[in-house]
Amino acid sequence: MAVRRPLTLEEREEIAVGRARGEGVREIARSIGRNLSVISREVCRNRVLRRGSSSLARSAFRCWCTCDLSVSCQ
């Protein structure tokens, strides 16, 4: 069983900078040496947290259902 290593603060910052530059999750994952799914989950989580609390559950469910790993999660 693989050990899940949490993202470091530096990795989270790299993800934020990459997204601000318009990079996709594949490119970010490659640049920091992490699995695509880890980056995709992080991007989806942060996208949901930026919204108002009233739509948090609905947004989280939508992200979980529709987040396609082949494209950037926007």
PDB file of N, CA and C in Angstrom:
ATOM      1  N   MET A   1       0.849  -1.183   0.000  1.00  0.00           N
ATOM      2  CA  MET A   1       0.000   0.000   0.000  1.00  0.00           C
ATOM      3  C   MET A   1       0.886   1.235   0.000  1.00  0.00           C
ATOM      4  N   ALA A   2       0.570   2.163  -0.874  1.00  0.00           N
ATOM      5  CA  ALA A   2       1.367   3.383  -0.991  1.00  0.00           C
ATOM      6  C   ALA A   2       1.093   4.312   0.188  1.00  0.00           C
ATOM      7  N   VAL A   3       2.129   5.001   0.606  1.00  0.00           N
ATOM      8  CA  VAL A   3       1.999   5.963   1.697  1.00  0.00           C
ATOM      9  C   VAL A   3       1.601   7.301   1.110  1.00  0.00           C
ATOM     10  N   ARG A   4       0.563   7.894   1.667  1.00  0.00           N
ATOM     11  CA  ARG A   4       0.126   9.219   1.201  1.00  0.00           C
ATOM     12  C   ARG A   4       0.930  10.278   1.920  1.00  0.00           C
ATOM     13  N   ARG A   5       1.643  11.044   1.147  1.00  0.00           N
ATOM     14  CA  ARG A   5       2.471  12.122   1.681  1.00  0.00           C
ATOM     15  C   ARG A   5       1.726  13.436   1.470  1.00  0.00           C
ATOM     16  N   PRO A   6       1.406  14.135   2.553  1.00  0.00           N
ATOM     17  CA  PRO A   6       0.665  15.395   2.369  1.00  0.00           C
ATOM     18  C   PRO A   6       1.493  16.432   1.615  1.00  0.00           C
ATOM     19  N   LEU A   7       0.809  17.321   0.942  1.00  0.00           N
ATOM     20  CA  LEU A   7       1.491  18.398   0.239  1.00  0.00           C
ATOM     21  C   LEU A   7       2.153  19.337   1.252  1.00  0.00           C
ATOM     22  N   THR A   8       3.342  19.761   0.918  1.00  0.00           N
ATOM     23  CA  THR A   8       4.030  20.732   1.765  1.00  0.00           C
ATOM     24  C   THR A   8       3.536  22.130   1.423  1.00  0.00           C
ATOM     25  N   LEU A   9       3.844  23.078   2.275  1.00  0.00           N
ATOM     26  CA  LEU A   9       3.473  24.465   2.009  1.00  0.00           C
ATOM     27  C   LEU A   9       4.104  24.945   0.702  1.00  0.00           C
ATOM     28  N   GLU A  10       5.345  24.552   0.476  1.00  0.00           N
ATOM     29  CA  GLU A  10       6.029  24.956  -0.756  1.00  0.00           C
ATOM     30  C   GLU A  10       5.330  24.389  -1.992  1.00  0.00           C
ATOM     31  N   GLU A  11       4.887  23.126  -1.905  1.00  0.00           N
ATOM     32  CA  GLU A  11       4.184  22.523  -3.038  1.00  0.00           C
ATOM     33  C   GLU A  11       2.850  23.227  -3.281  1.00  0.00           C
ATOM     34  N   ARG A  12       2.149  23.573  -2.201  1.00  0.00           N
ATOM     35  CA  ARG A  12       0.879  24.291  -2.341  1.00  0.00           C
ATOM     36  C   ARG A  12       1.103  25.661  -2.987  1.00  0.00           C
ATOM     37  N   GLU A  13       2.190  26.305  -2.613  1.00  0.00           N
ATOM     38  CA  GLU A  13       2.518  27.594  -3.225  1.00  0.00           C
ATOM     39  C   GLU A  13       2.832  27.432  -4.700  1.00  0.00           C
ATOM     40  N   GLU A  14       3.573  26.383  -5.057  1.00  0.00           N
ATOM     41  CA  GLU A  14       3.887  26.122  -6.468  1.00  0.00           C
ATOM     42  C   GLU A  14       2.614  25.874  -7.273  1.00  0.00           C
ATOM     43  N   ILE A  15       1.658  25.169  -6.672  1.00  0.00           N
ATOM     44  CA  ILE A  15       0.381  24.926  -7.343  1.00  0.00           C
ATOM     45  C   ILE A  15      -0.341  26.247  -7.567  1.00  0.00           C
ATOM     46  N   ALA A  16      -0.390  27.090  -6.547  1.00  0.00           N
ATOM     47  CA  ALA A  16      -1.063  28.381  -6.661  1.00  0.00           C
ATOM     48  C   ALA A  16      -0.412  29.260  -7.723  1.00  0.00           C
ATOM     49  N   VAL A  17       0.907  29.279  -7.742  1.00  0.00           N
ATOM     50  CA  VAL A  17       1.628  30.080  -8.736  1.00  0.00           C
ATOM     51  C   VAL A  17       1.373  29.524 -10.138  1.00  0.00           C
ATOM     52  N   GLY A  18       1.423  28.204 -10.270  1.00  0.00           N
ATOM     53  CA  GLY A  18       1.161  27.581 -11.568  1.00  0.00           C
ATOM     54  C   GLY A  18      -0.231  27.882 -12.082  1.00  0.00           C
ATOM     55  N   ARG A  19      -1.231  27.815 -11.195  1.00  0.00           N
ATOM     56  CA  ARG A  19      -2.604  28.114 -11.605  1.00  0.00           C
ATOM     57  C   ARG A  19      -2.735  29.582 -11.998  1.00  0.00           C
ATOM     58  N   ALA A  20      -2.055  30.467 -11.254  1.00  0.00           N
ATOM     59  CA  ALA A  20      -2.107  31.894 -11.571  1.00  0.00           C
ATOM     60  C   ALA A  20      -1.500  32.165 -12.946  1.00  0.00           C
ATOM     61  N   ARG A  21      -0.508  31.375 -13.326  1.00  0.00           N
ATOM     62  CA  ARG A  21       0.121  31.508 -14.653  1.00  0.00           C
ATOM     63  C   ARG A  21      -0.720  30.877 -15.754  1.00  0.00           C
ATOM     64  N   GLY A  22      -1.765  30.144 -15.359  1.00  0.00           N
ATOM     65  CA  GLY A  22      -2.613  29.490 -16.345  1.00  0.00           C
ATOM     66  C   GLY A  22      -2.162  28.091 -16.714  1.00  0.00           C
ATOM     67  N   GLU A  23      -1.272  27.504 -15.933  1.00  0.00           N
ATOM     68  CA  GLU A  23      -0.796  26.147 -16.205  1.00  0.00           C
ATOM     69  C   GLU A  23      -1.884  25.139 -15.845  1.00  0.00           C
ATOM     70  N   GLY A  24      -1.903  24.040 -16.566  1.00  0.00           N
ATOM     71  CA  GLY A  24      -2.836  22.957 -16.275  1.00  0.00           C
ATOM     72  C   GLY A  24      -2.300  22.058 -15.173  1.00  0.00           C
ATOM     73  N   VAL A  25      -3.167  21.192 -14.664  1.00  0.00           N
ATOM     74  CA  VAL A  25      -2.757  20.318 -13.566  1.00  0.00           C
ATOM     75  C   VAL A  25      -1.658  19.339 -13.991  1.00  0.00           C
ATOM     76  N   ARG A  26      -1.677  18.897 -15.228  1.00  0.00           N
ATOM     77  CA  ARG A  26      -0.617  17.988 -15.695  1.00  0.00           C
ATOM     78  C   ARG A  26       0.755  18.652 -15.647  1.00  0.00           C
ATOM     79  N   GLU A  27       0.812  19.873 -16.132  1.00  0.00           N
ATOM     80  CA  GLU A  27       2.075  20.609 -16.149  1.00  0.00           C
ATOM     81  C   GLU A  27       2.576  20.873 -14.728  1.00  0.00           C
ATOM     82  N   ILE A  28       1.670  21.248 -13.845  1.00  0.00           N
ATOM     83  CA  ILE A  28       2.048  21.507 -12.449  1.00  0.00           C
ATOM     84  C   ILE A  28       2.536  20.222 -11.792  1.00  0.00           C
ATOM     85  N   ALA A  29       1.810  19.136 -12.009  1.00  0.00           N
ATOM     86  CA  ALA A  29       2.200  17.848 -11.418  1.00  0.00           C
ATOM     87  C   ALA A  29       3.600  17.444 -11.872  1.00  0.00           C
ATOM     88  N   ARG A  30       3.861  17.615 -13.155  1.00  0.00           N
ATOM     89  CA  ARG A  30       5.182  17.276 -13.696  1.00  0.00           C
ATOM     90  C   ARG A  30       6.269  18.148 -13.079  1.00  0.00           C
ATOM     91  N   SER A  31       5.977  19.442 -12.934  1.00  0.00           N
ATOM     92  CA  SER A  31       7.005  20.363 -12.458  1.00  0.00           C
ATOM     93  C   SER A  31       7.375  20.150 -10.993  1.00  0.00           C
ATOM     94  N   ILE A  32       6.423  19.698 -10.166  1.00  0.00           N
ATOM     95  CA  ILE A  32       6.767  19.484  -8.761  1.00  0.00           C
ATOM     96  C   ILE A  32       6.953  18.014  -8.407  1.00  0.00           C
ATOM     97  N   GLY A  33       6.775  17.155  -9.395  1.00  0.00           N
ATOM     98  CA  GLY A  33       7.048  15.735  -9.178  1.00  0.00           C
ATOM     99  C   GLY A  33       6.017  15.009  -8.334  1.00  0.00           C
ATOM    100  N   ARG A  34       4.759  15.403  -8.479  1.00  0.00           N
ATOM    101  CA  ARG A  34       3.678  14.744  -7.748  1.00  0.00           C
ATOM    102  C   ARG A  34       2.685  14.152  -8.732  1.00  0.00           C
ATOM    103  N   ASN A  35       1.873  13.239  -8.240  1.00  0.00           N
ATOM    104  CA  ASN A  35       0.871  12.580  -9.054  1.00  0.00           C
ATOM    105  C   ASN A  35      -0.196  13.581  -9.496  1.00  0.00           C
ATOM    106  N   LEU A  36      -0.694  13.388 -10.707  1.00  0.00           N
ATOM    107  CA  LEU A  36      -1.718  14.246 -11.276  1.00  0.00           C
ATOM    108  C   LEU A  36      -2.946  14.323 -10.382  1.00  0.00           C
ATOM    109  N   SER A  37      -3.365  13.210  -9.812  1.00  0.00           N
ATOM    110  CA  SER A  37      -4.576  13.208  -8.999  1.00  0.00           C
ATOM    111  C   SER A  37      -4.417  14.038  -7.727  1.00  0.00           C
ATOM    112  N   VAL A  38      -3.211  14.092  -7.172  1.00  0.00           N
ATOM    113  CA  VAL A  38      -2.952  14.898  -5.975  1.00  0.00           C
ATOM    114  C   VAL A  38      -3.164  16.378  -6.300  1.00  0.00           C
ATOM    115  N   ILE A  39      -2.622  16.802  -7.429  1.00  0.00           N
ATOM    116  CA  ILE A  39      -2.744  18.205  -7.833  1.00  0.00           C
ATOM    117  C   ILE A  39      -4.200  18.532  -8.154  1.00  0.00           C
ATOM    118  N   SER A  40      -4.867  17.645  -8.868  1.00  0.00           N
ATOM    119  CA  SER A  40      -6.256  17.865  -9.243  1.00  0.00           C
ATOM    120  C   SER A  40      -7.138  18.007  -8.008  1.00  0.00           C
ATOM    121  N   ARG A  41      -6.959  17.131  -7.025  1.00  0.00           N
ATOM    122  CA  ARG A  41      -7.740  17.221  -5.783  1.00  0.00           C
ATOM    123  C   ARG A  41      -7.482  18.540  -5.069  1.00  0.00           C
ATOM    124  N   GLU A  42      -6.230  18.946  -5.016  1.00  0.00           N
ATOM    125  CA  GLU A  42      -5.883  20.202  -4.342  1.00  0.00           C
ATOM    126  C   GLU A  42      -6.533  21.397  -5.040  1.00  0.00           C
ATOM    127  N   VAL A  43      -6.485  21.413  -6.358  1.00  0.00           N
ATOM    128  CA  VAL A  43      -7.090  22.504  -7.116  1.00  0.00           C
ATOM    129  C   VAL A  43      -8.599  22.528  -6.881  1.00  0.00           C
ATOM    130  N   CYS A  44      -9.244  21.368  -6.908  1.00  0.00           N
ATOM    131  CA  CYS A  44     -10.687  21.305  -6.681  1.00  0.00           C
ATOM    132  C   CYS A  44     -11.041  21.743  -5.268  1.00  0.00           C
ATOM    133  N   ARG A  45     -10.286  21.297  -4.295  1.00  0.00           N
ATOM    134  CA  ARG A  45     -10.558  21.699  -2.909  1.00  0.00           C
ATOM    135  C   ARG A  45     -10.476  23.206  -2.750  1.00  0.00           C
ATOM    136  N   ASN A  46      -9.444  23.798  -3.276  1.00  0.00           N
ATOM    137  CA  ASN A  46      -9.267  25.240  -3.122  1.00  0.00           C
ATOM    138  C   ASN A  46     -10.291  26.026  -3.914  1.00  0.00           C
ATOM    139  N   ARG A  47     -10.692  25.511  -5.038  1.00  0.00           N
ATOM    140  CA  ARG A  47     -11.726  26.186  -5.821  1.00  0.00           C
ATOM    141  C   ARG A  47     -13.015  26.234  -5.023  1.00  0.00           C
ATOM    142  N   VAL A  48     -13.352  25.163  -4.352  1.00  0.00           N
ATOM    143  CA  VAL A  48     -14.570  25.088  -3.562  1.00  0.00           C
ATOM    144  C   VAL A  48     -14.480  26.014  -2.356  1.00  0.00           C
ATOM    145  N   LEU A  49     -13.335  26.066  -1.701  1.00  0.00           N
ATOM    146  CA  LEU A  49     -13.200  26.864  -0.486  1.00  0.00           C
ATOM    147  C   LEU A  49     -13.296  28.359  -0.740  1.00  0.00           C
ATOM    148  N   ARG A  50     -13.066  28.790  -1.943  1.00  0.00           N
ATOM    149  CA  ARG A  50     -13.138  30.216  -2.254  1.00  0.00           C
ATOM    150  C   ARG A  50     -14.572  30.701  -2.411  1.00  0.00           C
ATOM    151  N   ARG A  51     -15.499  29.800  -2.538  1.00  0.00           N
ATOM    152  CA  ARG A  51     -16.900  30.178  -2.725  1.00  0.00           C
ATOM    153  C   ARG A  51     -17.570  30.404  -1.379  1.00  0.00           C
ATOM    154  N   GLY A  52     -18.763  30.978  -1.422  1.00  0.00           N
ATOM    155  CA  GLY A  52     -19.524  31.216  -0.201  1.00  0.00           C
ATOM    156  C   GLY A  52     -19.910  29.918   0.488  1.00  0.00           C
ATOM    157  N   SER A  53     -20.065  29.950   1.782  1.00  0.00           N
ATOM    158  CA  SER A  53     -20.341  28.746   2.548  1.00  0.00           C
ATOM    159  C   SER A  53     -21.693  28.128   2.222  1.00  0.00           C
ATOM    160  N   SER A  54     -22.649  28.912   1.725  1.00  0.00           N
ATOM    161  CA  SER A  54     -23.968  28.367   1.426  1.00  0.00           C
ATOM    162  C   SER A  54     -23.933  27.351   0.288  1.00  0.00           C
ATOM    163  N   SER A  55     -22.991  27.513  -0.616  1.00  0.00           N
ATOM    164  CA  SER A  55     -22.918  26.583  -1.748  1.00  0.00           C
ATOM    165  C   SER A  55     -21.774  25.591  -1.617  1.00  0.00           C
ATOM    166  N   LEU A  56     -21.169  25.510  -0.444  1.00  0.00           N
ATOM    167  CA  LEU A  56     -19.984  24.664  -0.259  1.00  0.00           C
ATOM    168  C   LEU A  56     -20.267  23.197  -0.554  1.00  0.00           C
ATOM    169  N   ALA A  57     -21.313  22.633   0.003  1.00  0.00           N
ATOM    170  CA  ALA A  57     -21.597  21.210  -0.194  1.00  0.00           C
ATOM    171  C   ALA A  57     -21.926  20.917  -1.653  1.00  0.00           C
ATOM    172  N   ARG A  58     -22.753  21.753  -2.260  1.00  0.00           N
ATOM    173  CA  ARG A  58     -23.124  21.553  -3.664  1.00  0.00           C
ATOM    174  C   ARG A  58     -21.898  21.659  -4.566  1.00  0.00           C
ATOM    175  N   SER A  59     -21.039  22.639  -4.291  1.00  0.00           N
ATOM    176  CA  SER A  59     -19.834  22.820  -5.095  1.00  0.00           C
ATOM    177  C   SER A  59     -18.864  21.666  -4.923  1.00  0.00           C
ATOM    178  N   ALA A  60     -18.730  21.200  -3.700  1.00  0.00           N
ATOM    179  CA  ALA A  60     -17.828  20.072  -3.438  1.00  0.00           C
ATOM    180  C   ALA A  60     -18.312  18.839  -4.178  1.00  0.00           C
ATOM    181  N   PHE A  61     -19.619  18.592  -4.153  1.00  0.00           N
ATOM    182  CA  PHE A  61     -20.162  17.434  -4.847  1.00  0.00           C
ATOM    183  C   PHE A  61     -19.970  17.558  -6.345  1.00  0.00           C
ATOM    184  N   ARG A  62     -20.223  18.750  -6.894  1.00  0.00           N
ATOM    185  CA  ARG A  62     -20.054  18.973  -8.330  1.00  0.00           C
ATOM    186  C   ARG A  62     -18.593  18.751  -8.732  1.00  0.00           C
ATOM    187  N   CYS A  63     -17.680  19.263  -7.926  1.00  0.00           N
ATOM    188  CA  CYS A  63     -16.264  19.097  -8.210  1.00  0.00           C
ATOM    189  C   CYS A  63     -15.905  17.618  -8.182  1.00  0.00           C
ATOM    190  N   TRP A  64     -16.395  16.908  -7.181  1.00  0.00           N
ATOM    191  CA  TRP A  64     -16.091  15.485  -7.042  1.00  0.00           C
ATOM    192  C   TRP A  64     -16.627  14.699  -8.225  1.00  0.00           C
ATOM    193  N   CYS A  65     -17.814  15.076  -8.702  1.00  0.00           N
ATOM    194  CA  CYS A  65     -18.452  14.342  -9.794  1.00  0.00           C
ATOM    195  C   CYS A  65     -17.868  14.672 -11.158  1.00  0.00           C
ATOM    196  N   THR A  66     -17.425  15.913 -11.342  1.00  0.00           N
ATOM    197  CA  THR A  66     -17.080  16.344 -12.688  1.00  0.00           C
ATOM    198  C   THR A  66     -15.599  16.597 -12.909  1.00  0.00           C
ATOM    199  N   CYS A  67     -14.799  16.504 -11.882  1.00  0.00           N
ATOM    200  CA  CYS A  67     -13.381  16.833 -12.039  1.00  0.00           C
ATOM    201  C   CYS A  67     -12.721  15.802 -12.949  1.00  0.00           C
ATOM    202  N   ASP A  68     -12.359  16.227 -14.131  1.00  0.00           N
ATOM    203  CA  ASP A  68     -11.738  15.363 -15.131  1.00  0.00           C
ATOM    204  C   ASP A  68     -10.225  15.534 -15.045  1.00  0.00           C
ATOM    205  N   LEU A  69      -9.516  14.437 -14.794  1.00  0.00           N
ATOM    206  CA  LEU A  69      -8.069  14.507 -14.630  1.00  0.00           C
ATOM    207  C   LEU A  69      -7.334  14.821 -15.922  1.00  0.00           C
ATOM    208  N   SER A  70      -8.029  14.726 -17.057  1.00  0.00           N
ATOM    209  CA  SER A  70      -7.349  14.966 -18.321  1.00  0.00           C
ATOM    210  C   SER A  70      -7.272  16.452 -18.667  1.00  0.00           C
ATOM    211  N   VAL A  71      -8.037  17.269 -17.959  1.00  0.00           N
ATOM    212  CA  VAL A  71      -8.011  18.711 -18.222  1.00  0.00           C
ATOM    213  C   VAL A  71      -7.855  19.448 -16.917  1.00  0.00           C
ATOM    214  N   SER A  72      -7.531  20.728 -16.979  1.00  0.00           N
ATOM    215  CA  SER A  72      -7.397  21.495 -15.749  1.00  0.00           C
ATOM    216  C   SER A  72      -8.768  21.717 -15.135  1.00  0.00           C
ATOM    217  N   CYS A  73      -8.835  21.701 -13.853  1.00  0.00           N
ATOM    218  CA  CYS A  73     -10.095  21.819 -13.119  1.00  0.00           C
ATOM    219  C   CYS A  73     -10.378  23.295 -12.872  1.00  0.00           C
ATOM    220  N   GLN A  74     -11.292  23.881 -13.616  1.00  0.00           N
ATOM    221  CA  GLN A  74     -11.574  25.312 -13.490  1.00  0.00           C
ATOM    222  C   GLN A  74     -12.989  25.562 -13.096  1.00  0.00           C
TER     223      GLN A  74
END
